Amino acid sequence: MQDKYTATWVSHSSISDFLKCPQAYYLRNVYKDPKTGHKIQIMNPSLALGQAVHNVLEALSEIGKDDRFVKSLPEAFKKEWEKFSGEKGAFLNDKHEQQYHDRGLAMLNTVYNNPGPLKNLAVKIKQDLPQFWLSEEDNIILCGKVDWLEYLPETDSVHIIDFKTGKSKEDSGSLQLPIYKLLVESCQERIATKASYWYLESDKMPTEKELPEKEEAHEMVLEIAKKIKLARQLKKFDCPGGDAGCPMCRDIKKVADGGGKFIGYDGFRDIYILNDDSANEGKSEIL
């Protein structure tokens, strides 16, 4: 019998970290502050914006489709924004914060006025954190949350929708959709026959993307997951930029080395902001 406590856990975000910089992966997903025993995270304005918008949209899936848009999304956003206002969102000043606030408001106005698939029946995975054994033999678990699952009654299947709050487009080689297909089909009973990215800042509707076959997705994800497991066993997390670090790991390393300002604990990680503005445009966004 496998033990979840000794397993290697992987997700879309942790795999992305590892592929870009193993040291960034280590500092974000393995390292714990020896004083608190908690993992660490840097807050930046892009992350604050993404979390606020995602939280508002995620709450909609808990509401029946007929009542989903009775209340104003912008009003819900204003309340959610209070959690990230000021220093909590690493904003430089009121004007800087207002720019990000207005971007989020515009995104939610777009959804409110053009709900598209969000006005249809939705499937909610019952697990708080969807997870399954990617490989029992290798003791690896894949976990993660999918933004939205539209129910497609004509095929009794689901449509994966991922909300994008950043300005950049998802790379064509991203493992996000293969990972989501595996999670969705392993954590609920319907297959995923459709997947889309919704770039909330620029598009009024989601953009459909091709989904890989489940076997192909499993093979791709497991290959990277095994490399992560090996790196953890060897405790070898080298940055491709060498001792100087790279843009992916440089800021989080500052915090691990004692820099940054502690602003709170979210129940899982100690949250920091940097005292300079080097991270304010955010090198990691919620996408």
Protein backbone atom coordinates (compact mmCIF):
# COMPACT_ATOMS: atom_id res chain seq x y z
CA MET A 1 0.00 0.00 0.00
CA GLN A 2 1.36 3.40 -1.01
CA ASP A 3 1.88 6.15 1.55
CA LYS A 4 0.76 9.64 0.56
CA TYR A 5 3.10 11.12 3.15
CA THR A 6 6.21 9.70 1.50
CA ALA A 7 5.01 10.18 -2.08
CA THR A 8 6.37 12.79 -4.46
CA TRP A 9 3.55 15.27 -5.18
CA VAL A 10 3.57 17.17 -8.46
CA SER A 11 1.25 19.75 -10.00
CA HIS A 12 1.15 22.02 -13.02
CA SER A 13 2.78 24.88 -11.12
CA SER A 14 5.52 22.76 -9.54
CA ILE A 15 6.32 21.04 -12.84
CA SER A 16 6.49 24.45 -14.55
CA ASP A 17 8.88 25.67 -11.84
CA PHE A 18 11.12 22.64 -12.28
CA LEU A 19 11.26 22.92 -16.07
CA LYS A 20 12.24 26.59 -15.89
CA CYS A 21 14.65 26.36 -12.95
CA PRO A 22 15.16 23.43 -10.53
CA GLN A 23 16.36 25.84 -7.84
CA ALA A 24 13.13 27.84 -8.14
CA TYR A 25 11.24 24.56 -7.83
CA TYR A 26 13.15 23.70 -4.67
CA LEU A 27 12.64 27.10 -3.02
CA ARG A 28 8.93 27.23 -3.83
CA ASN A 29 7.95 23.60 -3.32
CA VAL A 30 10.45 21.91 -0.99
CA TYR A 31 12.24 24.48 1.15
CA LYS A 32 10.73 25.41 4.53
CA ASP A 33 11.79 28.28 6.73
CA PRO A 34 13.69 26.63 9.62
CA LYS A 35 12.18 29.12 12.07
CA THR A 36 8.51 28.55 11.19
CA GLY A 37 8.52 25.23 9.36
CA HIS A 38 6.46 26.86 6.60
CA LYS A 39 7.02 27.15 2.87
CA ILE A 40 7.53 30.66 1.50
CA GLN A 41 5.99 32.75 -1.25
CA ILE A 42 6.55 36.23 -2.61
CA MET A 43 3.45 38.32 -3.20
CA ASN A 44 3.46 40.64 -6.19
CA PRO A 45 0.76 42.72 -7.91
CA SER A 46 0.20 40.25 -10.76
CA LEU A 47 -0.26 37.42 -8.29
CA ALA A 48 -2.65 39.51 -6.20
CA LEU A 49 -4.68 40.38 -9.29
CA GLY A 50 -4.83 36.76 -10.42
CA GLN A 51 -5.85 35.42 -7.04
CA ALA A 52 -8.59 38.02 -6.57
CA VAL A 53 -10.14 37.40 -10.01
CA HIS A 54 -9.88 33.62 -9.71
CA ASN A 55 -11.47 33.64 -6.25
CA VAL A 56 -14.49 35.55 -7.54
CA LEU A 57 -14.96 33.25 -10.53
CA GLU A 58 -14.37 30.07 -8.54
CA ALA A 59 -17.17 31.04 -6.16
CA LEU A 60 -19.60 31.05 -9.10
CA SER A 61 -19.27 27.29 -9.56
CA GLU A 62 -20.87 26.80 -6.14
CA ILE A 63 -24.04 28.55 -7.38
CA GLY A 64 -26.74 26.99 -9.56
CA LYS A 65 -26.67 28.22 -13.16
CA ASP A 66 -29.97 30.11 -12.90
CA ASP A 67 -28.72 32.19 -9.97
CA ARG A 68 -25.04 32.42 -10.94
CA PHE A 69 -25.15 35.96 -12.29
CA VAL A 70 -27.90 37.44 -10.13
CA LYS A 71 -25.30 39.29 -8.06
CA SER A 72 -22.82 41.66 -9.65
CA LEU A 73 -19.33 40.24 -10.20
CA PRO A 74 -17.74 43.70 -9.85
CA GLU A 75 -19.34 44.02 -6.41
CA ALA A 76 -17.94 40.65 -5.37
CA PHE A 77 -14.55 41.72 -6.68
CA LYS A 78 -14.50 44.89 -4.59
CA LYS A 79 -14.98 42.81 -1.45
CA GLU A 80 -12.37 40.25 -2.51
CA TRP A 81 -9.88 42.99 -3.34
CA GLU A 82 -9.74 44.07 0.29
CA LYS A 83 -7.67 40.94 1.00
CA PHE A 84 -4.93 42.21 -1.32
CA SER A 85 -5.12 45.97 -0.93
CA GLY A 86 -2.03 48.02 -0.11
CA GLU A 87 1.02 46.24 1.20
CA LYS A 88 -0.81 42.89 1.13
CA GLY A 89 -0.64 43.00 -2.67
CA ALA A 90 2.86 44.48 -2.81
CA PHE A 91 1.58 47.66 -4.43
CA LEU A 92 3.97 50.61 -4.56
CA ASN A 93 1.30 53.27 -3.97
CA ASP A 94 -2.40 54.00 -4.43
CA LYS A 95 -2.02 54.78 -8.14
CA HIS A 96 -0.15 51.52 -8.74
CA GLU A 97 -2.84 49.57 -6.91
CA GLN A 98 -5.64 51.31 -8.80
CA GLN A 99 -4.17 50.20 -12.12
CA TYR A 100 -4.32 46.55 -11.11
CA HIS A 101 -7.72 46.94 -9.46
CA ASP A 102 -9.15 48.44 -12.64
CA ARG A 103 -7.73 45.62 -14.74
CA GLY A 104 -9.44 43.04 -12.52
CA LEU A 105 -12.69 44.97 -12.59
CA ALA A 106 -12.60 45.09 -16.38
CA MET A 107 -12.02 41.32 -16.59
CA LEU A 108 -15.00 40.55 -14.40
CA ASN A 109 -17.20 43.02 -16.25
CA THR A 110 -16.30 41.12 -19.42
CA VAL A 111 -17.41 37.83 -17.86
CA TYR A 112 -20.54 39.37 -16.35
CA ASN A 113 -21.61 40.82 -19.70
CA ASN A 114 -20.45 37.82 -21.75
CA PRO A 115 -20.78 34.74 -19.49
CA GLY A 116 -20.69 32.28 -22.38
CA PRO A 117 -20.14 28.72 -21.06
CA LEU A 118 -20.24 29.92 -17.44
CA LYS A 119 -24.01 30.28 -17.66
CA ASN A 120 -24.34 26.56 -18.41
CA LEU A 121 -24.32 23.56 -16.08
CA ALA A 122 -21.00 23.07 -14.31
CA VAL A 123 -19.34 20.02 -12.75
CA LYS A 124 -17.65 20.44 -9.39
CA ILE A 125 -14.99 17.93 -8.33
CA LYS A 126 -15.72 16.95 -4.75
CA GLN A 127 -12.13 16.85 -3.51
CA ASP A 128 -10.83 20.08 -1.97
CA LEU A 129 -7.55 19.34 -3.74
CA PRO A 130 -8.10 16.97 -6.67
CA GLN A 131 -5.39 14.30 -6.63
CA PHE A 132 -4.65 10.76 -7.80
CA TRP A 133 -1.78 8.31 -8.08
CA LEU A 134 0.03 9.22 -11.29
CA SER A 135 2.17 6.14 -10.64
CA GLU A 136 1.76 3.85 -7.65
CA GLU A 137 4.89 1.99 -8.69
CA ASP A 138 6.94 5.21 -8.59
CA ASN A 139 5.05 6.61 -5.57
CA ILE A 140 4.05 9.81 -7.40
CA ILE A 141 0.82 11.77 -6.93
CA LEU A 142 -0.52 14.39 -9.35
CA CYS A 143 -2.64 17.13 -7.82
CA GLY A 144 -4.13 20.48 -8.74
CA LYS A 145 -7.28 22.53 -9.17
CA VAL A 146 -9.03 23.13 -12.48
CA ASP A 147 -10.69 26.53 -12.83
CA TRP A 148 -13.97 25.46 -14.43
CA LEU A 149 -15.68 22.35 -15.80
CA GLU A 150 -18.63 22.99 -18.09
CA TYR A 151 -20.99 20.01 -18.37
CA LEU A 152 -21.73 19.00 -21.98
CA PRO A 153 -25.05 17.08 -21.82
CA GLU A 154 -25.04 15.98 -25.48
CA THR A 155 -21.94 13.82 -24.84
CA ASP A 156 -22.16 13.49 -21.04
CA SER A 157 -18.62 14.90 -20.92
CA VAL A 158 -16.88 18.02 -19.62
CA HIS A 159 -15.21 21.10 -21.07
CA ILE A 160 -12.07 22.24 -19.21
CA ILE A 161 -11.82 26.04 -18.98
CA ASP A 162 -8.75 27.77 -17.60
CA PHE A 163 -8.94 31.47 -16.78
CA LYS A 164 -5.93 33.56 -17.78
CA THR A 165 -5.37 36.90 -16.05
CA GLY A 166 -1.86 37.53 -17.37
CA LYS A 167 -0.99 39.33 -20.58
CA SER A 168 1.09 36.53 -22.12
CA LYS A 169 -0.31 33.57 -24.05
CA GLU A 170 0.22 30.01 -22.82
CA ASP A 171 3.12 28.31 -24.58
CA SER A 172 2.11 25.69 -27.13
CA GLY A 173 4.36 23.17 -25.40
CA SER A 174 2.80 23.70 -21.97
CA LEU A 175 1.85 20.62 -19.98
CA GLN A 176 -1.10 22.39 -18.40
CA LEU A 177 -3.86 20.80 -20.49
CA PRO A 178 -2.34 17.28 -20.40
CA ILE A 179 -2.16 17.62 -16.61
CA TYR A 180 -5.72 18.91 -16.35
CA LYS A 181 -7.04 16.11 -18.57
CA LEU A 182 -5.44 13.52 -16.30
CA LEU A 183 -6.78 15.20 -13.16
CA VAL A 184 -10.30 15.67 -14.49
CA GLU A 185 -10.70 12.14 -15.82
CA SER A 186 -9.17 10.56 -12.71
CA CYS A 187 -11.09 12.61 -10.13
CA GLN A 188 -14.62 12.46 -11.57
CA GLU A 189 -16.53 10.06 -13.77
CA ARG A 190 -16.80 11.95 -17.09
CA ILE A 191 -14.22 12.30 -19.83
CA ALA A 192 -12.93 15.70 -20.97
CA THR A 193 -13.74 16.21 -24.66
CA LYS A 194 -12.97 19.92 -24.91
CA ALA A 195 -10.54 22.41 -23.36
CA SER A 196 -10.15 26.17 -23.60
CA TYR A 197 -8.09 29.06 -22.29
CA TRP A 198 -10.01 32.23 -21.50
CA TYR A 199 -7.75 35.27 -21.73
CA LEU A 200 -9.92 37.54 -19.63
CA GLU A 201 -8.09 40.77 -20.37
CA SER A 202 -8.38 40.54 -24.15
CA ASP A 203 -11.11 38.06 -25.13
CA LYS A 204 -14.84 37.95 -24.58
CA MET A 205 -14.97 34.18 -25.02
CA PRO A 206 -12.67 31.19 -24.34
CA THR A 207 -10.24 29.99 -27.02
CA GLU A 208 -10.52 26.25 -27.65
CA LYS A 209 -7.35 24.15 -27.60
CA GLU A 210 -6.63 20.59 -28.66
CA LEU A 211 -6.53 17.98 -25.93
CA PRO A 212 -4.03 15.10 -26.06
CA GLU A 213 -5.06 11.49 -25.66
CA LYS A 214 -5.04 10.38 -22.02
CA GLU A 215 -2.27 7.82 -22.55
CA GLU A 216 -0.06 10.38 -24.28
CA ALA A 217 -0.72 12.91 -21.51
CA HIS A 218 0.13 10.35 -18.84
CA GLU A 219 3.43 9.49 -20.51
CA MET A 220 4.49 13.14 -20.89
CA VAL A 221 3.66 14.11 -17.32
CA LEU A 222 5.11 10.98 -15.71
CA GLU A 223 8.43 11.50 -17.52
CA ILE A 224 8.88 14.93 -15.92
CA ALA A 225 7.53 13.75 -12.55
CA LYS A 226 10.19 11.02 -12.42
CA LYS A 227 12.91 13.64 -13.02
CA ILE A 228 11.52 15.70 -10.15
CA LYS A 229 11.49 12.67 -7.87
CA LEU A 230 15.11 11.90 -8.77
CA ALA A 231 16.19 15.49 -8.13
CA ARG A 232 14.56 15.34 -4.69
CA GLN A 233 16.27 12.03 -3.91
CA LEU A 234 19.65 13.40 -4.98
CA LYS A 235 18.93 16.81 -3.44
CA LYS A 236 20.22 18.32 -6.64
CA PHE A 237 18.43 21.48 -7.79
CA ASP A 238 20.86 23.40 -9.97
CA CYS A 239 19.91 26.74 -11.47
CA PRO A 240 20.65 27.02 -15.21
CA GLY A 241 22.10 30.48 -14.48
CA GLY A 242 24.73 29.09 -12.13
CA ASP A 243 25.63 30.70 -8.80
CA ALA A 244 24.28 34.08 -9.93
CA GLY A 245 20.81 32.61 -10.22
CA CYS A 246 18.20 33.41 -12.86
CA PRO A 247 15.02 35.52 -13.03
CA MET A 248 12.97 32.53 -11.90
CA CYS A 249 14.82 31.89 -8.63
CA ARG A 250 16.65 35.13 -7.80
CA ASP A 251 13.86 36.84 -5.82
CA ILE A 252 12.67 33.80 -3.87
CA LYS A 253 16.31 33.10 -2.97
CA LYS A 254 16.53 36.60 -1.46
CA VAL A 255 13.70 35.67 0.90
CA ALA A 256 15.22 32.30 1.77
CA ASP A 257 18.46 34.12 2.57
CA GLY A 258 16.66 36.41 5.03
CA GLY A 259 15.55 39.27 2.79
CA GLY A 260 12.09 40.62 2.10
CA LYS A 261 9.35 41.67 4.49
CA PHE A 262 7.02 39.16 6.14
CA ILE A 263 3.39 40.23 5.76
CA GLY A 264 1.45 37.19 6.92
CA TYR A 265 0.74 33.47 6.87
CA ASP A 266 -2.03 32.13 4.60
CA GLY A 267 -2.41 28.79 6.37
CA PHE A 268 0.14 27.09 4.16
CA ARG A 269 2.94 29.52 3.32
CA ASP A 270 4.67 32.51 4.85
CA ILE A 271 3.99 35.46 2.53
CA TYR A 272 6.67 38.04 1.84
CA ILE A 273 7.13 41.15 -0.23
CA LEU A 274 10.46 42.50 -1.39
CA ASN A 275 11.56 45.88 -0.14
CA ASP A 276 12.65 46.95 -3.62
CA ASP A 277 10.45 46.96 -6.72
CA SER A 278 12.28 44.18 -8.55
CA ALA A 279 9.39 41.75 -8.15
CA ASN A 280 6.54 44.17 -8.51
CA GLU A 281 5.75 43.26 -12.08
CA GLY A 282 5.63 39.63 -11.07
CA LYS A 283 7.65 36.81 -12.50
CA SER A 284 4.97 34.32 -11.54
CA GLU A 285 1.36 35.00 -12.37
CA ILE A 286 -1.73 32.97 -11.78
CA LEU A 287 -2.55 31.86 -15.29
